[in-house]
Amino acid sequence: MEIFYNRFISAALCFTALFTSPAFAAFDLESGIKDLAEQISKNMAASNKKKIAIIDFSNLDGNVTALGQFLAEELITQLFTISPGQFEVVERRQLLKLERELLLSQTGFIEERA
């Protein structure tokens, strides 16, 4: 599980770096998100990666805003549009659900059966 979180954090940092880099110059928000999705798609294909996690963007204080959630949703949509079936997109909500399930299984309330 620790490896998964390390990869997840690495991916988030890469996206943040791409999104804030001077090379990422867009005429408007929509074309900027599309450009970012294209860059991510090309990098995923070049590195033969098959799974990517998309998290909500946060402001400089580390707080997720409506804009951050919107950006994440738009990026997910663009990735599905640009590269359908090329790789699996894991959303933050799915990760949180998995985390809750893992925590619940560790409480002993759920019994695994063979």
PDB file of N, CA and C in Angstrom:
ATOM      1  N   MET A   1       0.829  -1.189   0.000  1.00  0.00           N
ATOM      2  CA  MET A   1       0.000   0.000   0.000  1.00  0.00           C
ATOM      3  C   MET A   1       0.879   1.261   0.000  1.00  0.00           C
ATOM      4  N   GLU A   2       2.024   1.174   0.691  1.00  0.00           N
ATOM      5  CA  GLU A   2       2.916   2.323   0.757  1.00  0.00           C
ATOM      6  C   GLU A   2       3.449   2.678  -0.635  1.00  0.00           C
ATOM      7  N   ILE A   3       3.729   1.665  -1.447  1.00  0.00           N
ATOM      8  CA  ILE A   3       4.215   1.906  -2.807  1.00  0.00           C
ATOM      9  C   ILE A   3       3.158   2.650  -3.608  1.00  0.00           C
ATOM     10  N   PHE A   4       1.895   2.249  -3.424  1.00  0.00           N
ATOM     11  CA  PHE A   4       0.792   2.903  -4.126  1.00  0.00           C
ATOM     12  C   PHE A   4       0.735   4.382  -3.762  1.00  0.00           C
ATOM     13  N   TYR A   5       0.819   4.710  -2.475  1.00  0.00           N
ATOM     14  CA  TYR A   5       0.763   6.105  -2.043  1.00  0.00           C
ATOM     15  C   TYR A   5       1.972   6.897  -2.543  1.00  0.00           C
ATOM     16  N   ASN A   6       3.139   6.270  -2.569  1.00  0.00           N
ATOM     17  CA  ASN A   6       4.321   6.958  -3.090  1.00  0.00           C
ATOM     18  C   ASN A   6       4.157   7.296  -4.568  1.00  0.00           C
ATOM     19  N   ARG A   7       3.610   6.357  -5.335  1.00  0.00           N
ATOM     20  CA  ARG A   7       3.363   6.619  -6.751  1.00  0.00           C
ATOM     21  C   ARG A   7       2.299   7.694  -6.919  1.00  0.00           C
ATOM     22  N   PHE A   8       1.295   7.627  -6.079  1.00  0.00           N
ATOM     23  CA  PHE A   8       0.200   8.600  -6.119  1.00  0.00           C
ATOM     24  C   PHE A   8       0.737  10.010  -5.854  1.00  0.00           C
ATOM     25  N   ILE A   9       1.579  10.160  -4.843  1.00  0.00           N
ATOM     26  CA  ILE A   9       2.153  11.464  -4.506  1.00  0.00           C
ATOM     27  C   ILE A   9       3.075  11.936  -5.624  1.00  0.00           C
ATOM     28  N   SER A  10       3.851  11.017  -6.200  1.00  0.00           N
ATOM     29  CA  SER A  10       4.737  11.379  -7.312  1.00  0.00           C
ATOM     30  C   SER A  10       3.939  11.899  -8.503  1.00  0.00           C
ATOM     31  N   ALA A  11       2.838  11.228  -8.808  1.00  0.00           N
ATOM     32  CA  ALA A  11       1.999  11.665  -9.925  1.00  0.00           C
ATOM     33  C   ALA A  11       1.407  13.044  -9.652  1.00  0.00           C
ATOM     34  N   ALA A  12       0.963  13.274  -8.425  1.00  0.00           N
ATOM     35  CA  ALA A  12       0.394  14.574  -8.068  1.00  0.00           C
ATOM     36  C   ALA A  12       1.432  15.678  -8.216  1.00  0.00           C
ATOM     37  N   LEU A  13       2.645  15.418  -7.798  1.00  0.00           N
ATOM     38  CA  LEU A  13       3.710  16.419  -7.925  1.00  0.00           C
ATOM     39  C   LEU A  13       4.044  16.691  -9.389  1.00  0.00           C
ATOM     40  N   CYS A  14       4.041  15.648 -10.205  1.00  0.00           N
ATOM     41  CA  CYS A  14       4.304  15.829 -11.640  1.00  0.00           C
ATOM     42  C   CYS A  14       3.236  16.709 -12.276  1.00  0.00           C
ATOM     43  N   PHE A  15       1.981  16.471 -11.927  1.00  0.00           N
ATOM     44  CA  PHE A  15       0.897  17.267 -12.488  1.00  0.00           C
ATOM     45  C   PHE A  15       0.998  18.715 -12.042  1.00  0.00           C
ATOM     46  N   THR A  16       1.328  18.900 -10.787  1.00  0.00           N
ATOM     47  CA  THR A  16       1.479  20.262 -10.279  1.00  0.00           C
ATOM     48  C   THR A  16       2.605  20.977 -11.009  1.00  0.00           C
ATOM     49  N   ALA A  17       3.713  20.274 -11.220  1.00  0.00           N
ATOM     50  CA  ALA A  17       4.847  20.871 -11.939  1.00  0.00           C
ATOM     51  C   ALA A  17       4.465  21.215 -13.373  1.00  0.00           C
ATOM     52  N   LEU A  18       3.750  20.324 -14.029  1.00  0.00           N
ATOM     53  CA  LEU A  18       3.318  20.602 -15.395  1.00  0.00           C
ATOM     54  C   LEU A  18       2.364  21.784 -15.444  1.00  0.00           C
ATOM     55  N   PHE A  19       1.452  21.817 -14.501  1.00  0.00           N
ATOM     56  CA  PHE A  19       0.404  22.834 -14.510  1.00  0.00           C
ATOM     57  C   PHE A  19       0.949  24.233 -14.222  1.00  0.00           C
ATOM     58  N   THR A  20       2.012  24.301 -13.433  1.00  0.00           N
ATOM     59  CA  THR A  20       2.553  25.609 -13.055  1.00  0.00           C
ATOM     60  C   THR A  20       3.809  25.994 -13.833  1.00  0.00           C
ATOM     61  N   SER A  21       4.264  25.135 -14.745  1.00  0.00           N
ATOM     62  CA  SER A  21       5.501  25.432 -15.464  1.00  0.00           C
ATOM     63  C   SER A  21       5.297  26.557 -16.478  1.00  0.00           C
ATOM     64  N   PRO A  22       6.356  27.345 -16.742  1.00  0.00           N
ATOM     65  CA  PRO A  22       6.247  28.415 -17.723  1.00  0.00           C
ATOM     66  C   PRO A  22       5.937  27.875 -19.125  1.00  0.00           C
ATOM     67  N   ALA A  23       6.339  26.643 -19.401  1.00  0.00           N
ATOM     68  CA  ALA A  23       6.076  26.062 -20.714  1.00  0.00           C
ATOM     69  C   ALA A  23       4.587  25.795 -20.914  1.00  0.00           C
ATOM     70  N   PHE A  24       3.843  25.747 -19.818  1.00  0.00           N
ATOM     71  CA  PHE A  24       2.408  25.488 -19.891  1.00  0.00           C
ATOM     72  C   PHE A  24       1.696  26.828 -20.021  1.00  0.00           C
ATOM     73  N   ALA A  25       1.713  27.361 -21.241  1.00  0.00           N
ATOM     74  CA  ALA A  25       1.055  28.632 -21.500  1.00  0.00           C
ATOM     75  C   ALA A  25      -0.168  28.370 -22.350  1.00  0.00           C
ATOM     76  N   ALA A  26      -1.325  28.757 -21.838  1.00  0.00           N
ATOM     77  CA  ALA A  26      -2.561  28.489 -22.560  1.00  0.00           C
ATOM     78  C   ALA A  26      -3.331  29.777 -22.777  1.00  0.00           C
ATOM     79  N   PHE A  27      -4.034  29.813 -23.875  1.00  0.00           N
ATOM     80  CA  PHE A  27      -4.846  30.989 -24.184  1.00  0.00           C
ATOM     81  C   PHE A  27      -6.017  31.109 -23.228  1.00  0.00           C
ATOM     82  N   ASP A  28      -6.637  29.999 -22.894  1.00  0.00           N
ATOM     83  CA  ASP A  28      -7.734  30.013 -21.937  1.00  0.00           C
ATOM     84  C   ASP A  28      -7.718  28.716 -21.139  1.00  0.00           C
ATOM     85  N   LEU A  29      -8.592  28.628 -20.152  1.00  0.00           N
ATOM     86  CA  LEU A  29      -8.598  27.487 -19.255  1.00  0.00           C
ATOM     87  C   LEU A  29      -8.895  26.181 -19.982  1.00  0.00           C
ATOM     88  N   GLU A  30      -9.878  26.198 -20.865  1.00  0.00           N
ATOM     89  CA  GLU A  30     -10.265  24.976 -21.568  1.00  0.00           C
ATOM     90  C   GLU A  30      -9.125  24.434 -22.424  1.00  0.00           C
ATOM     91  N   SER A  31      -8.486  25.296 -23.181  1.00  0.00           N
ATOM     92  CA  SER A  31      -7.379  24.827 -24.015  1.00  0.00           C
ATOM     93  C   SER A  31      -6.180  24.440 -23.152  1.00  0.00           C
ATOM     94  N   GLY A  32      -6.017  25.092 -22.017  1.00  0.00           N
ATOM     95  CA  GLY A  32      -4.926  24.735 -21.104  1.00  0.00           C
ATOM     96  C   GLY A  32      -5.103  23.334 -20.538  1.00  0.00           C
ATOM     97  N   ILE A  33      -6.331  23.002 -20.151  1.00  0.00           N
ATOM     98  CA  ILE A  33      -6.607  21.666 -19.625  1.00  0.00           C
ATOM     99  C   ILE A  33      -6.417  20.627 -20.726  1.00  0.00           C
ATOM    100  N   LYS A  34      -6.859  20.960 -21.925  1.00  0.00           N
ATOM    101  CA  LYS A  34      -6.688  20.033 -23.056  1.00  0.00           C
ATOM    102  C   LYS A  34      -5.208  19.815 -23.347  1.00  0.00           C
ATOM    103  N   ASP A  35      -4.420  20.886 -23.342  1.00  0.00           N
ATOM    104  CA  ASP A  35      -2.969  20.772 -23.562  1.00  0.00           C
ATOM    105  C   ASP A  35      -2.317  19.899 -22.492  1.00  0.00           C
ATOM    106  N   LEU A  36      -2.724  20.107 -21.245  1.00  0.00           N
ATOM    107  CA  LEU A  36      -2.175  19.313 -20.136  1.00  0.00           C
ATOM    108  C   LEU A  36      -2.529  17.840 -20.316  1.00  0.00           C
ATOM    109  N   ALA A  37      -3.779  17.559 -20.681  1.00  0.00           N
ATOM    110  CA  ALA A  37      -4.205  16.175 -20.898  1.00  0.00           C
ATOM    111  C   ALA A  37      -3.412  15.531 -22.033  1.00  0.00           C
ATOM    112  N   GLU A  38      -3.140  16.286 -23.098  1.00  0.00           N
ATOM    113  CA  GLU A  38      -2.356  15.758 -24.216  1.00  0.00           C
ATOM    114  C   GLU A  38      -0.920  15.453 -23.781  1.00  0.00           C
ATOM    115  N   GLN A  39      -0.332  16.353 -22.988  1.00  0.00           N
ATOM    116  CA  GLN A  39       1.027  16.129 -22.493  1.00  0.00           C
ATOM    117  C   GLN A  39       1.079  14.888 -21.605  1.00  0.00           C
ATOM    118  N   ILE A  40       0.099  14.760 -20.717  1.00  0.00           N
ATOM    119  CA  ILE A  40       0.052  13.602 -19.820  1.00  0.00           C
ATOM    120  C   ILE A  40      -0.108  12.325 -20.635  1.00  0.00           C
ATOM    121  N   SER A  41      -1.008  12.353 -21.612  1.00  0.00           N
ATOM    122  CA  SER A  41      -1.265  11.183 -22.449  1.00  0.00           C
ATOM    123  C   SER A  41      -0.003  10.755 -23.195  1.00  0.00           C
ATOM    124  N   LYS A  42       0.708  11.707 -23.760  1.00  0.00           N
ATOM    125  CA  LYS A  42       1.949  11.387 -24.477  1.00  0.00           C
ATOM    126  C   LYS A  42       2.991  10.811 -23.527  1.00  0.00           C
ATOM    127  N   ASN A  43       3.132  11.405 -22.347  1.00  0.00           N
ATOM    128  CA  ASN A  43       4.106  10.909 -21.370  1.00  0.00           C
ATOM    129  C   ASN A  43       3.740   9.516 -20.875  1.00  0.00           C
ATOM    130  N   MET A  44       2.448   9.271 -20.684  1.00  0.00           N
ATOM    131  CA  MET A  44       1.992   7.949 -20.249  1.00  0.00           C
ATOM    132  C   MET A  44       2.321   6.900 -21.317  1.00  0.00           C
ATOM    133  N   ALA A  45       2.048   7.230 -22.572  1.00  0.00           N
ATOM    134  CA  ALA A  45       2.321   6.294 -23.664  1.00  0.00           C
ATOM    135  C   ALA A  45       3.825   6.051 -23.808  1.00  0.00           C
ATOM    136  N   ALA A  46       4.609   7.115 -23.704  1.00  0.00           N
ATOM    137  CA  ALA A  46       6.060   6.988 -23.861  1.00  0.00           C
ATOM    138  C   ALA A  46       6.683   6.149 -22.753  1.00  0.00           C
ATOM    139  N   SER A  47       6.147   6.245 -21.550  1.00  0.00           N
ATOM    140  CA  SER A  47       6.701   5.498 -20.420  1.00  0.00           C
ATOM    141  C   SER A  47       5.979   4.175 -20.191  1.00  0.00           C
ATOM    142  N   ASN A  48       5.026   3.858 -21.077  1.00  0.00           N
ATOM    143  CA  ASN A  48       4.277   2.607 -21.014  1.00  0.00           C
ATOM    144  C   ASN A  48       3.535   2.433 -19.688  1.00  0.00           C
ATOM    145  N   LYS A  49       3.029   3.524 -19.145  1.00  0.00           N
ATOM    146  CA  LYS A  49       2.235   3.491 -17.913  1.00  0.00           C
ATOM    147  C   LYS A  49       0.783   3.205 -18.279  1.00  0.00           C
ATOM    148  N   LYS A  50       0.091   2.463 -17.432  1.00  0.00           N
ATOM    149  CA  LYS A  50      -1.288   2.064 -17.728  1.00  0.00           C
ATOM    150  C   LYS A  50      -2.298   2.599 -16.725  1.00  0.00           C
ATOM    151  N   LYS A  51      -1.846   3.220 -15.639  1.00  0.00           N
ATOM    152  CA  LYS A  51      -2.762   3.697 -14.607  1.00  0.00           C
ATOM    153  C   LYS A  51      -2.305   5.066 -14.120  1.00  0.00           C
ATOM    154  N   ILE A  52      -3.276   5.948 -13.910  1.00  0.00           N
ATOM    155  CA  ILE A  52      -2.959   7.297 -13.455  1.00  0.00           C
ATOM    156  C   ILE A  52      -4.006   7.728 -12.437  1.00  0.00           C
ATOM    157  N   ALA A  53      -3.578   8.435 -11.410  1.00  0.00           N
ATOM    158  CA  ALA A  53      -4.493   8.943 -10.388  1.00  0.00           C
ATOM    159  C   ALA A  53      -4.641  10.445 -10.566  1.00  0.00           C
ATOM    160  N   ILE A  54      -5.878  10.907 -10.535  1.00  0.00           N
ATOM    161  CA  ILE A  54      -6.164  12.329 -10.646  1.00  0.00           C
ATOM    162  C   ILE A  54      -6.743  12.793  -9.314  1.00  0.00           C
ATOM    163  N   ILE A  55      -6.126  13.793  -8.736  1.00  0.00           N
ATOM    164  CA  ILE A  55      -6.611  14.339  -7.469  1.00  0.00           C
ATOM    165  C   ILE A  55      -7.085  15.772  -7.692  1.00  0.00           C
ATOM    166  N   ASP A  56      -7.880  16.261  -6.746  1.00  0.00           N
ATOM    167  CA  ASP A  56      -8.324  17.645  -6.820  1.00  0.00           C
ATOM    168  C   ASP A  56      -7.126  18.564  -6.610  1.00  0.00           C
ATOM    169  N   PHE A  57      -7.085  19.645  -7.356  1.00  0.00           N
ATOM    170  CA  PHE A  57      -6.012  20.618  -7.209  1.00  0.00           C
ATOM    171  C   PHE A  57      -6.282  21.476  -5.975  1.00  0.00           C
ATOM    172  N   SER A  58      -5.230  21.869  -5.299  1.00  0.00           N
ATOM    173  CA  SER A  58      -5.388  22.702  -4.102  1.00  0.00           C
ATOM    174  C   SER A  58      -4.738  24.066  -4.334  1.00  0.00           C
ATOM    175  N   ASN A  59      -5.134  25.024  -3.515  1.00  0.00           N
ATOM    176  CA  ASN A  59      -4.536  26.355  -3.611  1.00  0.00           C
ATOM    177  C   ASN A  59      -3.204  26.380  -2.855  1.00  0.00           C
ATOM    178  N   LEU A  60      -2.592  27.533  -2.756  1.00  0.00           N
ATOM    179  CA  LEU A  60      -1.279  27.627  -2.121  1.00  0.00           C
ATOM    180  C   LEU A  60      -1.307  27.286  -0.634  1.00  0.00           C
ATOM    181  N   ASP A  61      -2.486  27.380  -0.016  1.00  0.00           N
ATOM    182  CA  ASP A  61      -2.627  27.023   1.397  1.00  0.00           C
ATOM    183  C   ASP A  61      -2.891  25.535   1.589  1.00  0.00           C
ATOM    184  N   GLY A  62      -3.002  24.795   0.502  1.00  0.00           N
ATOM    185  CA  GLY A  62      -3.259  23.370   0.582  1.00  0.00           C
ATOM    186  C   GLY A  62      -4.736  23.009   0.663  1.00  0.00           C
ATOM    187  N   ASN A  63      -5.607  23.994   0.497  1.00  0.00           N
ATOM    188  CA  ASN A  63      -7.041  23.750   0.568  1.00  0.00           C
ATOM    189  C   ASN A  63      -7.610  23.482  -0.824  1.00  0.00           C
ATOM    190  N   VAL A  64      -8.467  22.481  -0.913  1.00  0.00           N
ATOM    191  CA  VAL A  64      -9.133  22.181  -2.175  1.00  0.00           C
ATOM    192  C   VAL A  64     -10.320  23.121  -2.313  1.00  0.00           C
ATOM    193  N   THR A  65     -10.406  23.751  -3.464  1.00  0.00           N
ATOM    194  CA  THR A  65     -11.492  24.690  -3.735  1.00  0.00           C
ATOM    195  C   THR A  65     -12.391  24.123  -4.830  1.00  0.00           C
ATOM    196  N   ALA A  66     -13.484  24.809  -5.078  1.00  0.00           N
ATOM    197  CA  ALA A  66     -14.382  24.405  -6.165  1.00  0.00           C
ATOM    198  C   ALA A  66     -13.633  24.429  -7.498  1.00  0.00           C
ATOM    199  N   LEU A  67     -12.759  25.408  -7.675  1.00  0.00           N
ATOM    200  CA  LEU A  67     -11.963  25.476  -8.901  1.00  0.00           C
ATOM    201  C   LEU A  67     -11.042  24.263  -9.011  1.00  0.00           C
ATOM    202  N   GLY A  68     -10.430  23.863  -7.916  1.00  0.00           N
ATOM    203  CA  GLY A  68      -9.549  22.693  -7.917  1.00  0.00           C
ATOM    204  C   GLY A  68     -10.290  21.421  -8.271  1.00  0.00           C
ATOM    205  N   GLN A  69     -11.501  21.295  -7.758  1.00  0.00           N
ATOM    206  CA  GLN A  69     -12.330  20.134  -8.093  1.00  0.00           C
ATOM    207  C   GLN A  69     -12.740  20.175  -9.564  1.00  0.00           C
ATOM    208  N   PHE A  70     -13.097  21.360 -10.030  1.00  0.00           N
ATOM    209  CA  PHE A  70     -13.479  21.530 -11.430  1.00  0.00           C
ATOM    210  C   PHE A  70     -12.319  21.161 -12.354  1.00  0.00           C
ATOM    211  N   LEU A  71     -11.117  21.648 -12.041  1.00  0.00           N
ATOM    212  CA  LEU A  71      -9.947  21.344 -12.865  1.00  0.00           C
ATOM    213  C   LEU A  71      -9.689  19.841 -12.944  1.00  0.00           C
ATOM    214  N   ALA A  72      -9.808  19.156 -11.813  1.00  0.00           N
ATOM    215  CA  ALA A  72      -9.587  17.710 -11.795  1.00  0.00           C
ATOM    216  C   ALA A  72     -10.631  16.994 -12.657  1.00  0.00           C
ATOM    217  N   GLU A  73     -11.892  17.392 -12.532  1.00  0.00           N
ATOM    218  CA  GLU A  73     -12.962  16.771 -13.322  1.00  0.00           C
ATOM    219  C   GLU A  73     -12.754  17.025 -14.813  1.00  0.00           C
ATOM    220  N   GLU A  74     -12.385  18.232 -15.169  1.00  0.00           N
ATOM    221  CA  GLU A  74     -12.142  18.555 -16.578  1.00  0.00           C
ATOM    222  C   GLU A  74     -10.942  17.790 -17.126  1.00  0.00           C
ATOM    223  N   LEU A  75      -9.915  17.651 -16.318  1.00  0.00           N
ATOM    224  CA  LEU A  75      -8.732  16.898 -16.748  1.00  0.00           C
ATOM    225  C   LEU A  75      -9.094  15.436 -16.978  1.00  0.00           C
ATOM    226  N   ILE A  76      -9.875  14.850 -16.097  1.00  0.00           N
ATOM    227  CA  ILE A  76     -10.320  13.467 -16.261  1.00  0.00           C
ATOM    228  C   ILE A  76     -11.107  13.329 -17.561  1.00  0.00           C
ATOM    229  N   THR A  77     -12.016  14.256 -17.795  1.00  0.00           N
ATOM    230  CA  THR A  77     -12.830  14.223 -19.018  1.00  0.00           C
ATOM    231  C   THR A  77     -11.945  14.301 -20.256  1.00  0.00           C
ATOM    232  N   GLN A  78     -10.986  15.206 -20.248  1.00  0.00           N
ATOM    233  CA  GLN A  78     -10.086  15.351 -21.404  1.00  0.00           C
ATOM    234  C   GLN A  78      -9.240  14.098 -21.621  1.00  0.00           C
ATOM    235  N   LEU A  79      -8.777  13.492 -20.531  1.00  0.00           N
ATOM    236  CA  LEU A  79      -7.971  12.276 -20.674  1.00  0.00           C
ATOM    237  C   LEU A  79      -8.787  11.147 -21.301  1.00  0.00           C
ATOM    238  N   PHE A  80     -10.039  11.022 -20.888  1.00  0.00           N
ATOM    239  CA  PHE A  80     -10.906  10.005 -21.493  1.00  0.00           C
ATOM    240  C   PHE A  80     -11.175  10.321 -22.958  1.00  0.00           C
ATOM    241  N   THR A  81     -11.293  11.601 -23.288  1.00  0.00           N
ATOM    242  CA  THR A  81     -11.585  12.010 -24.662  1.00  0.00           C
ATOM    243  C   THR A  81     -10.379  11.811 -25.577  1.00  0.00           C
ATOM    244  N   ILE A  82      -9.218  12.206 -25.097  1.00  0.00           N
ATOM    245  CA  ILE A  82      -7.999  12.152 -25.907  1.00  0.00           C
ATOM    246  C   ILE A  82      -7.483  10.732 -26.088  1.00  0.00           C
ATOM    247  N   SER A  83      -7.536   9.937 -25.017  1.00  0.00           N
ATOM    248  CA  SER A  83      -6.941   8.594 -25.050  1.00  0.00           C
ATOM    249  C   SER A  83      -7.914   7.542 -24.542  1.00  0.00           C
ATOM    250  N   PRO A  84      -9.007   7.331 -25.238  1.00  0.00           N
ATOM    251  CA  PRO A  84      -9.986   6.356 -24.737  1.00  0.00           C
ATOM    252  C   PRO A  84      -9.410   4.941 -24.700  1.00  0.00           C
ATOM    253  N   GLY A  85      -9.492   4.327 -23.526  1.00  0.00           N
ATOM    254  CA  GLY A  85      -9.033   2.954 -23.361  1.00  0.00           C
ATOM    255  C   GLY A  85      -7.534   2.763 -23.317  1.00  0.00           C
ATOM    256  N   GLN A  86      -6.770   3.852 -23.418  1.00  0.00           N
ATOM    257  CA  GLN A  86      -5.310   3.733 -23.442  1.00  0.00           C
ATOM    258  C   GLN A  86      -4.749   3.438 -22.041  1.00  0.00           C
ATOM    259  N   PHE A  87      -5.356   4.012 -21.020  1.00  0.00           N
ATOM    260  CA  PHE A  87      -4.932   3.771 -19.651  1.00  0.00           C
ATOM    261  C   PHE A  87      -6.113   3.986 -18.712  1.00  0.00           C
ATOM    262  N   GLU A  88      -5.943   3.518 -17.472  1.00  0.00           N
ATOM    263  CA  GLU A  88      -7.000   3.613 -16.468  1.00  0.00           C
ATOM    264  C   GLU A  88      -6.799   4.871 -15.633  1.00  0.00           C
ATOM    265  N   VAL A  89      -7.857   5.639 -15.485  1.00  0.00           N
ATOM    266  CA  VAL A  89      -7.822   6.851 -14.671  1.00  0.00           C
ATOM    267  C   VAL A  89      -8.478   6.547 -13.327  1.00  0.00           C
ATOM    268  N   VAL A  90      -7.727   6.738 -12.240  1.00  0.00           N
ATOM    269  CA  VAL A  90      -8.246   6.516 -10.900  1.00  0.00           C
ATOM    270  C   VAL A  90      -8.539   7.878 -10.290  1.00  0.00           C
ATOM    271  N   GLU A  91      -9.771   8.085  -9.869  1.00  0.00           N
ATOM    272  CA  GLU A  91     -10.166   9.365  -9.295  1.00  0.00           C
ATOM    273  C   GLU A  91      -9.965   9.372  -7.785  1.00  0.00           C
ATOM    274  N   ARG A  92      -9.832  10.550  -7.226  1.00  0.00           N
ATOM    275  CA  ARG A  92      -9.621  10.691  -5.784  1.00  0.00           C
ATOM    276  C   ARG A  92     -10.758  10.056  -4.992  1.00  0.00           C
ATOM    277  N   ARG A  93     -11.980  10.210  -5.455  1.00  0.00           N
ATOM    278  CA  ARG A  93     -13.109   9.620  -4.733  1.00  0.00           C
ATOM    279  C   ARG A  93     -12.968   8.108  -4.638  1.00  0.00           C
ATOM    280  N   GLN A  94     -12.475   7.493  -5.703  1.00  0.00           N
ATOM    281  CA  GLN A  94     -12.264   6.050  -5.685  1.00  0.00           C
ATOM    282  C   GLN A  94     -11.168   5.677  -4.690  1.00  0.00           C
ATOM    283  N   LEU A  95     -10.119   6.492  -4.633  1.00  0.00           N
ATOM    284  CA  LEU A  95      -9.029   6.233  -3.690  1.00  0.00           C
ATOM    285  C   LEU A  95      -9.505   6.363  -2.248  1.00  0.00           C
ATOM    286  N   LEU A  96     -10.323   7.373  -1.977  1.00  0.00           N
ATOM    287  CA  LEU A  96     -10.851   7.559  -0.628  1.00  0.00           C
ATOM    288  C   LEU A  96     -11.771   6.405  -0.232  1.00  0.00           C
ATOM    289  N   LYS A  97     -12.560   5.923  -1.164  1.00  0.00           N
ATOM    290  CA  LYS A  97     -13.446   4.789  -0.897  1.00  0.00           C
ATOM    291  C   LYS A  97     -12.622   3.550  -0.569  1.00  0.00           C
ATOM    292  N   LEU A  98     -11.571   3.308  -1.342  1.00  0.00           N
ATOM    293  CA  LEU A  98     -10.687   2.182  -1.088  1.00  0.00           C
ATOM    294  C   LEU A  98     -10.035   2.305   0.284  1.00  0.00           C
ATOM    295  N   GLU A  99      -9.587   3.514   0.624  1.00  0.00           N
ATOM    296  CA  GLU A  99      -8.960   3.731   1.920  1.00  0.00           C
ATOM    297  C   GLU A  99      -9.927   3.438   3.063  1.00  0.00           C
ATOM    298  N   ARG A 100     -11.187   3.895   2.930  1.00  0.00           N
ATOM    299  CA  ARG A 100     -12.195   3.624   3.968  1.00  0.00           C
ATOM    300  C   ARG A 100     -12.439   2.119   4.115  1.00  0.00           C
ATOM    301  N   GLU A 101     -12.500   1.418   2.983  1.00  0.00           N
ATOM    302  CA  GLU A 101     -12.717  -0.028   3.025  1.00  0.00           C
ATOM    303  C   GLU A 101     -11.554  -0.744   3.699  1.00  0.00           C
ATOM    304  N   LEU A 102     -10.339  -0.296   3.409  1.00  0.00           N
ATOM    305  CA  LEU A 102      -9.165  -0.899   4.040  1.00  0.00           C
ATOM    306  C   LEU A 102      -9.168  -0.652   5.548  1.00  0.00           C
ATOM    307  N   LEU A 103      -9.497   0.563   5.948  1.00  0.00           N
ATOM    308  CA  LEU A 103      -9.553   0.877   7.372  1.00  0.00           C
ATOM    309  C   LEU A 103     -10.630   0.056   8.076  1.00  0.00           C
ATOM    310  N   LEU A 104     -11.773  -0.109   7.432  1.00  0.00           N
ATOM    311  CA  LEU A 104     -12.845  -0.894   7.998  1.00  0.00           C
ATOM    312  C   LEU A 104     -12.434  -2.355   8.153  1.00  0.00           C
ATOM    313  N   SER A 105     -11.731  -2.880   7.172  1.00  0.00           N
ATOM    314  CA  SER A 105     -11.300  -4.277   7.261  1.00  0.00           C
ATOM    315  C   SER A 105     -10.271  -4.478   8.370  1.00  0.00           C
ATOM    316  N   GLN A 106      -9.532  -3.442   8.708  1.00  0.00           N
ATOM    317  CA  GLN A 106      -8.528  -3.538   9.759  1.00  0.00           C
ATOM    318  C   GLN A 106      -9.122  -3.423  11.159  1.00  0.00           C
ATOM    319  N   THR A 107     -10.369  -2.976  11.255  1.00  0.00           N
ATOM    320  CA  THR A 107     -11.003  -2.829  12.569  1.00  0.00           C
ATOM    321  C   THR A 107     -11.436  -4.165  13.141  1.00  0.00           C
ATOM    322  N   GLY A 108     -11.566  -5.183  12.310  1.00  0.00           N
ATOM    323  CA  GLY A 108     -11.992  -6.489  12.775  1.00  0.00           C
ATOM    324  C   GLY A 108     -13.493  -6.690  12.651  1.00  0.00           C
ATOM    325  N   PHE A 109     -14.216  -5.675  12.195  1.00  0.00           N
ATOM    326  CA  PHE A 109     -15.658  -5.805  12.018  1.00  0.00           C
ATOM    327  C   PHE A 109     -15.999  -6.680  10.822  1.00  0.00           C
ATOM    328  N   ILE A 110     -15.094  -6.731   9.866  1.00  0.00           N
ATOM    329  CA  ILE A 110     -15.326  -7.529   8.657  1.00  0.00           C
ATOM    330  C   ILE A 110     -14.440  -8.760   8.736  1.00  0.00           C
ATOM    331  N   GLU A 111     -15.047  -9.886   8.470  1.00  0.00           N
ATOM    332  CA  GLU A 111     -14.337 -11.158   8.554  1.00  0.00           C
ATOM    333  C   GLU A 111     -14.115 -11.698   7.144  1.00  0.00           C
ATOM    334  N   GLU A 112     -12.866 -11.984   6.805  1.00  0.00           N
ATOM    335  CA  GLU A 112     -12.568 -12.546   5.494  1.00  0.00           C
ATOM    336  C   GLU A 112     -12.825 -14.035   5.525  1.00  0.00           C
ATOM    337  N   ARG A 113     -13.471 -14.514   4.478  1.00  0.00           N
ATOM    338  CA  ARG A 113     -13.743 -15.953   4.352  1.00  0.00           C
ATOM    339  C   ARG A 113     -13.066 -16.469   3.105  1.00  0.00           C
ATOM    340  N   ALA A 114     -12.574 -17.679   3.201  1.00  0.00           N
ATOM    341  CA  ALA A 114     -11.867 -18.295   2.067  1.00  0.00           C
ATOM    342  C   ALA A 114     -12.823 -18.802   1.028  1.00  0.00           C
TER     343      ALA A 114
END
